[in-house]
C-alpha atoms as a PDB file:
ATOM      1  CA  MET A   1     -10.117  91.305  -3.468  1.00  0.00           C
ATOM      2  CA  THR A   2      -7.021  90.836  -5.609  1.00  0.00           C
ATOM      3  CA  ILE A   3      -5.499  87.460  -6.496  1.00  0.00           C
ATOM      4  CA  ALA A   4      -1.947  87.126  -7.801  1.00  0.00           C
ATOM      5  CA  ILE A   5      -1.276  83.864  -9.610  1.00  0.00           C
ATOM      6  CA  LEU A   6       2.169  82.514 -10.453  1.00  0.00           C
ATOM      7  CA  ASN A   7       1.869  80.313 -13.542  1.00  0.00           C
ATOM      8  CA  TYR A   8       4.660  77.720 -13.434  1.00  0.00           C
ATOM      9  CA  ASN A   9       4.389  76.978 -17.156  1.00  0.00           C
ATOM     10  CA  THR A  10       5.133  80.529 -18.217  1.00  0.00           C
ATOM     11  CA  GLY A  11       6.857  81.921 -15.125  1.00  0.00           C
ATOM     12  CA  GLU A  12       4.530  84.913 -15.332  1.00  0.00           C
ATOM     13  CA  VAL A  13       2.280  86.454 -12.728  1.00  0.00           C
ATOM     14  CA  ASP A  14      -1.405  86.880 -13.582  1.00  0.00           C
ATOM     15  CA  ILE A  15      -3.374  89.457 -11.607  1.00  0.00           C
ATOM     16  CA  ILE A  16      -7.107  89.081 -10.982  1.00  0.00           C
ATOM     17  CA  GLU A  17      -8.441  92.368  -9.639  1.00  0.00           C
ATOM     18  CA  ASN A  18     -11.934  92.830  -8.249  1.00  0.00           C
ATOM     19  CA  ALA A  19     -12.332  89.103  -7.602  1.00  0.00           C
ATOM     20  CA  PRO A  20     -15.298  88.054  -5.479  1.00  0.00           C
ATOM     21  CA  ARG A  21     -14.734  88.255  -1.744  1.00  0.00           C
ATOM     22  CA  LEU A  22     -13.365  84.831  -0.868  1.00  0.00           C
ATOM     23  CA  ARG A  23     -12.293  84.033   2.663  1.00  0.00           C
ATOM     24  CA  THR A  24     -10.265  80.840   2.618  1.00  0.00           C
ATOM     25  CA  THR A  25      -7.469  79.412   0.519  1.00  0.00           C
ATOM     26  CA  GLU A  26      -9.785  76.582  -0.488  1.00  0.00           C
ATOM     27  CA  GLU A  27     -12.444  79.021  -1.727  1.00  0.00           C
ATOM     28  CA  VAL A  28      -9.844  80.916  -3.778  1.00  0.00           C
ATOM     29  CA  GLU A  29      -8.424  77.701  -5.264  1.00  0.00           C
ATOM     30  CA  ASN A  30     -11.933  76.497  -6.178  1.00  0.00           C
ATOM     31  CA  TYR A  31     -12.644  79.865  -7.822  1.00  0.00           C
ATOM     32  CA  LEU A  32      -9.403  79.709  -9.831  1.00  0.00           C
ATOM     33  CA  VAL A  33      -9.932  76.101 -10.941  1.00  0.00           C
ATOM     34  CA  GLU A  34     -13.688  75.969 -11.458  1.00  0.00           C
ATOM     35  CA  VAL A  35     -14.470  79.492 -12.646  1.00  0.00           C
ATOM     36  CA  LEU A  36     -11.233  80.700 -14.266  1.00  0.00           C
ATOM     37  CA  GLU A  37     -10.160  77.196 -15.383  1.00  0.00           C
ATOM     38  CA  TYR A  38      -6.597  77.239 -14.058  1.00  0.00           C
ATOM     39  CA  ASN A  39      -4.927  73.867 -13.474  1.00  0.00           C
ATOM     40  CA  SER A  40      -4.179  73.726  -9.740  1.00  0.00           C
ATOM     41  CA  ASP A  41      -0.969  71.750 -10.392  1.00  0.00           C
ATOM     42  CA  GLU A  42       0.407  74.567 -12.573  1.00  0.00           C
ATOM     43  CA  ILE A  43      -0.095  77.579 -10.306  1.00  0.00           C
ATOM     44  CA  HIS A  44       0.618  79.095  -6.940  1.00  0.00           C
ATOM     45  CA  PHE A  45      -1.397  82.053  -5.724  1.00  0.00           C
ATOM     46  CA  MET A  46      -1.704  84.779  -3.099  1.00  0.00           C
ATOM     47  CA  PHE A  47      -4.795  86.797  -2.315  1.00  0.00           C
ATOM     48  CA  SER A  48      -5.505  89.891  -0.302  1.00  0.00           C
ATOM     49  CA  PRO A  49      -7.348  93.161  -0.581  1.00  0.00           C
ATOM     50  CA  ASP A  50      -3.931  94.886  -0.253  1.00  0.00           C
ATOM     51  CA  ILE A  51      -1.679  93.288  -2.908  1.00  0.00           C
ATOM     52  CA  ASP A  52       0.330  95.948  -4.739  1.00  0.00           C
ATOM     53  CA  VAL A  53      -0.077  94.585  -8.260  1.00  0.00           C
ATOM     54  CA  ASN A  54       2.303  97.107  -9.800  1.00  0.00           C
ATOM     55  CA  TYR A  55       5.322  95.447  -8.203  1.00  0.00           C
ATOM     56  CA  MET A  56       4.526  91.707  -8.264  1.00  0.00           C
ATOM     57  CA  GLU A  57       7.358  89.410  -9.355  1.00  0.00           C
ATOM     58  CA  PRO A  58       7.529  85.600  -9.372  1.00  0.00           C
ATOM     59  CA  ASP A  59      10.040  85.784  -6.483  1.00  0.00           C
ATOM     60  CA  ASP A  60       7.356  87.412  -4.314  1.00  0.00           C
ATOM     61  CA  PHE A  61       5.634  84.049  -4.009  1.00  0.00           C
ATOM     62  CA  GLY A  62       8.405  82.652  -1.804  1.00  0.00           C
ATOM     63  CA  LYS A  63       8.660  79.373  -3.694  1.00  0.00           C
ATOM     64  CA  ASP A  64      12.031  77.707  -3.867  1.00  0.00           C
ATOM     65  CA  SER A  65      13.420  76.418  -7.140  1.00  0.00           C
ATOM     66  CA  GLU A  66      12.969  72.765  -6.126  1.00  0.00           C
ATOM     67  CA  MET A  67       9.246  73.287  -5.592  1.00  0.00           C
ATOM     68  CA  GLU A  68       8.973  75.265  -8.816  1.00  0.00           C
ATOM     69  CA  ASP A  69      10.707  72.425 -10.718  1.00  0.00           C
ATOM     70  CA  ARG A  70       8.295  69.943  -9.167  1.00  0.00           C
ATOM     71  CA  TYR A  71       5.275  71.944 -10.307  1.00  0.00           C
ATOM     72  CA  LYS A  72       6.734  72.326 -13.804  1.00  0.00           C
ATOM     73  CA  LEU A  73       7.181  68.544 -13.970  1.00  0.00           C
ATOM     74  CA  ILE A  74       3.574  67.982 -12.900  1.00  0.00           C
ATOM     75  CA  ALA A  75       2.401  70.383 -15.600  1.00  0.00           C
ATOM     76  CA  LYS A  76       4.609  68.572 -18.148  1.00  0.00           C
ATOM     77  CA  ILE A  77       3.169  65.195 -17.112  1.00  0.00           C
ATOM     78  CA  HIS A  78      -0.397  66.404 -17.626  1.00  0.00           C
ATOM     79  CA  GLU A  79       0.416  68.079 -20.946  1.00  0.00           C
ATOM     80  CA  GLU A  80       2.333  65.132 -22.420  1.00  0.00           C
ATOM     81  CA  HIS A  81      -0.269  62.623 -21.204  1.00  0.00           C
ATOM     82  CA  GLU A  82      -3.030  64.664 -22.845  1.00  0.00           C
ATOM     83  CA  ASP A  83      -0.970  64.996 -26.051  1.00  0.00           C
ATOM     84  CA  TYR A  84      -0.398  61.233 -26.119  1.00  0.00           C
ATOM     85  CA  GLU A  85      -4.102  60.476 -25.689  1.00  0.00           C
ATOM     86  CA  SER A  86      -5.140  62.932 -28.384  1.00  0.00           C
ATOM     87  CA  THR A  87      -2.472  61.727 -30.831  1.00  0.00           C
ATOM     88  CA  VAL A  88      -2.683  57.965 -30.253  1.00  0.00           C
ATOM     89  CA  GLY A  89      -6.338  57.795 -29.199  1.00  0.00           C
ATOM     90  CA  VAL A  90      -5.799  55.717 -26.042  1.00  0.00           C
ATOM     91  CA  SER A  91      -4.259  56.187 -22.628  1.00  0.00           C
ATOM     92  CA  PRO A  92      -0.615  55.154 -22.355  1.00  0.00           C
ATOM     93  CA  LYS A  93       0.329  52.038 -20.378  1.00  0.00           C
ATOM     94  CA  TYR A  94       3.900  53.027 -19.529  1.00  0.00           C
ATOM     95  CA  VAL A  95       6.097  56.039 -18.940  1.00  0.00           C
ATOM     96  CA  ARG A  96       9.858  56.117 -19.387  1.00  0.00           C
ATOM     97  CA  CYS A  97      11.201  58.463 -16.736  1.00  0.00           C
ATOM     98  CA  ARG A  98      13.975  59.336 -14.289  1.00  0.00           C
ATOM     99  CA  ILE A  99      13.818  58.947 -10.525  1.00  0.00           C
ATOM    100  CA  LYS A 100      16.135  59.847  -7.692  1.00  0.00           C
ATOM    101  CA  PHE A 101      16.267  57.816  -4.515  1.00  0.00           C
ATOM    102  CA  ASN A 102      16.159  59.757  -1.270  1.00  0.00           C
ATOM    103  CA  ASN A 103      19.637  60.664   0.038  1.00  0.00           C
ATOM    104  CA  GLU A 104      21.318  59.914  -3.298  1.00  0.00           C
ATOM    105  CA  GLU A 105      22.870  62.377  -5.695  1.00  0.00           C
ATOM    106  CA  ASN A 106      22.346  60.594  -9.019  1.00  0.00           C
ATOM    107  CA  GLY A 107      19.111  59.471 -10.563  1.00  0.00           C
ATOM    108  CA  GLN A 108      18.321  56.491 -12.709  1.00  0.00           C
ATOM    109  CA  ASP A 109      16.161  55.913 -15.759  1.00  0.00           C
ATOM    110  CA  ILE A 110      13.269  53.506 -15.244  1.00  0.00           C
ATOM    111  CA  ILE A 111       9.880  52.449 -16.625  1.00  0.00           C
ATOM    112  CA  ILE A 112       6.675  52.870 -14.645  1.00  0.00           C
ATOM    113  CA  LYS A 113       3.500  51.051 -15.594  1.00  0.00           C
ATOM    114  CA  LEU A 114       0.374  53.172 -15.267  1.00  0.00           C
ATOM    115  CA  THR A 115      -1.785  50.256 -14.091  1.00  0.00           C
ATOM    116  CA  SER A 116      -1.284  47.648 -11.400  1.00  0.00           C
ATOM    117  CA  ASP A 117      -1.815  44.795 -13.889  1.00  0.00           C
ATOM    118  CA  THR A 118       1.167  42.506 -14.256  1.00  0.00           C
ATOM    119  CA  ASP A 119       2.324  41.250 -17.628  1.00  0.00           C
ATOM    120  CA  GLU A 120       5.203  39.504 -19.390  1.00  0.00           C
ATOM    121  CA  LYS A 121       7.279  42.715 -19.268  1.00  0.00           C
ATOM    122  CA  ASP A 122       7.455  42.715 -15.442  1.00  0.00           C
ATOM    123  CA  ASP A 123      11.249  42.438 -15.455  1.00  0.00           C
ATOM    124  CA  GLU A 124      11.493  45.803 -17.209  1.00  0.00           C
ATOM    125  CA  ILE A 125       8.983  47.610 -14.968  1.00  0.00           C
ATOM    126  CA  PHE A 126      10.366  49.350 -11.908  1.00  0.00           C
ATOM    127  CA  PHE A 127       7.112  50.580 -10.355  1.00  0.00           C
ATOM    128  CA  TYR A 128       3.330  50.305 -10.801  1.00  0.00           C
ATOM    129  CA  CYS A 129       0.888  53.203 -10.497  1.00  0.00           C
ATOM    130  CA  ASN A 130      -2.885  53.237 -10.542  1.00  0.00           C
ATOM    131  CA  GLY A 131      -3.196  55.910 -13.205  1.00  0.00           C
ATOM    132  CA  LEU A 132      -2.010  59.432 -13.827  1.00  0.00           C
ATOM    133  CA  ASP A 133      -2.813  60.767 -10.343  1.00  0.00           C
ATOM    134  CA  ASP A 134      -0.598  58.098  -8.792  1.00  0.00           C
ATOM    135  CA  LEU A 135       2.213  59.056 -11.163  1.00  0.00           C
ATOM    136  CA  VAL A 136       1.883  62.734 -10.234  1.00  0.00           C
ATOM    137  CA  ARG A 137       1.980  61.760  -6.555  1.00  0.00           C
ATOM    138  CA  LEU A 138       5.534  60.496  -7.117  1.00  0.00           C
ATOM    139  CA  CYS A 139       6.631  64.084  -7.791  1.00  0.00           C
ATOM    140  CA  TYR A 140       5.992  65.012  -4.185  1.00  0.00           C
ATOM    141  CA  VAL A 141       8.610  64.448  -1.519  1.00  0.00           C
ATOM    142  CA  ASP A 142       8.193  61.563   0.934  1.00  0.00           C
ATOM    143  CA  THR A 143       5.539  59.574  -0.928  1.00  0.00           C
ATOM    144  CA  GLU A 144       7.958  56.719  -1.717  1.00  0.00           C
ATOM    145  CA  ASP A 145      11.661  56.144  -1.123  1.00  0.00           C
ATOM    146  CA  PHE A 146      12.305  57.915  -4.437  1.00  0.00           C
ATOM    147  CA  ASP A 147      11.072  61.005  -6.267  1.00  0.00           C
ATOM    148  CA  LEU A 148      10.073  61.276  -9.902  1.00  0.00           C
ATOM    149  CA  ILE A 149      12.321  63.983 -11.348  1.00  0.00           C
ATOM    150  CA  GLU A 150      11.808  63.764 -15.134  1.00  0.00           C
ATOM    151  CA  ILE A 151       9.625  62.088 -17.730  1.00  0.00           C
ATOM    152  CA  TYR A 152      10.861  61.211 -21.193  1.00  0.00           C
ATOM    153  CA  GLU A 153       7.912  59.601 -22.952  1.00  0.00           C
ATOM    154  CA  PHE A 154       4.569  57.933 -22.556  1.00  0.00           C
ATOM    155  CA  MET A 155       4.111  54.690 -24.497  1.00  0.00           C
ATOM    156  CA  ASN A 156       1.959  51.586 -24.917  1.00  0.00           C
ATOM    157  CA  GLU A 157       4.771  49.145 -25.686  1.00  0.00           C
ATOM    158  CA  ILE A 158       8.122  48.608 -24.058  1.00  0.00           C
END
């Protein structure tokens, strides 16, 4: 079995030859995440006994640029959140970011709070999330009436 993995962070294709015989997409994803330690938000993969690894290109994965941008943003969110925690020593409370409402051309800069707790800064907070997973969910189409399209910074104070 051969697995071809498109890494959205680098734009490169990794080839895993002679992988164990896995039958379902879920089994392959579990193998990539749990055994090879890929981040599932940062990759897209194909698997088959017949992949011609000599001619694999990122375009072979059939992903459009919008989806690729979304996955890059998710990878950026995870990386910057981890950097913030390791630098500051605590999880951030807020993220300054850009959203785009559905059916609108232009986006707007907003602040999202990473907990559902209210505080005296409520007037400055556009949206509340229940943690990092909820924030990442905003990158996917049709979860709210807007999409998260960019993050600028994580922070603990507004």
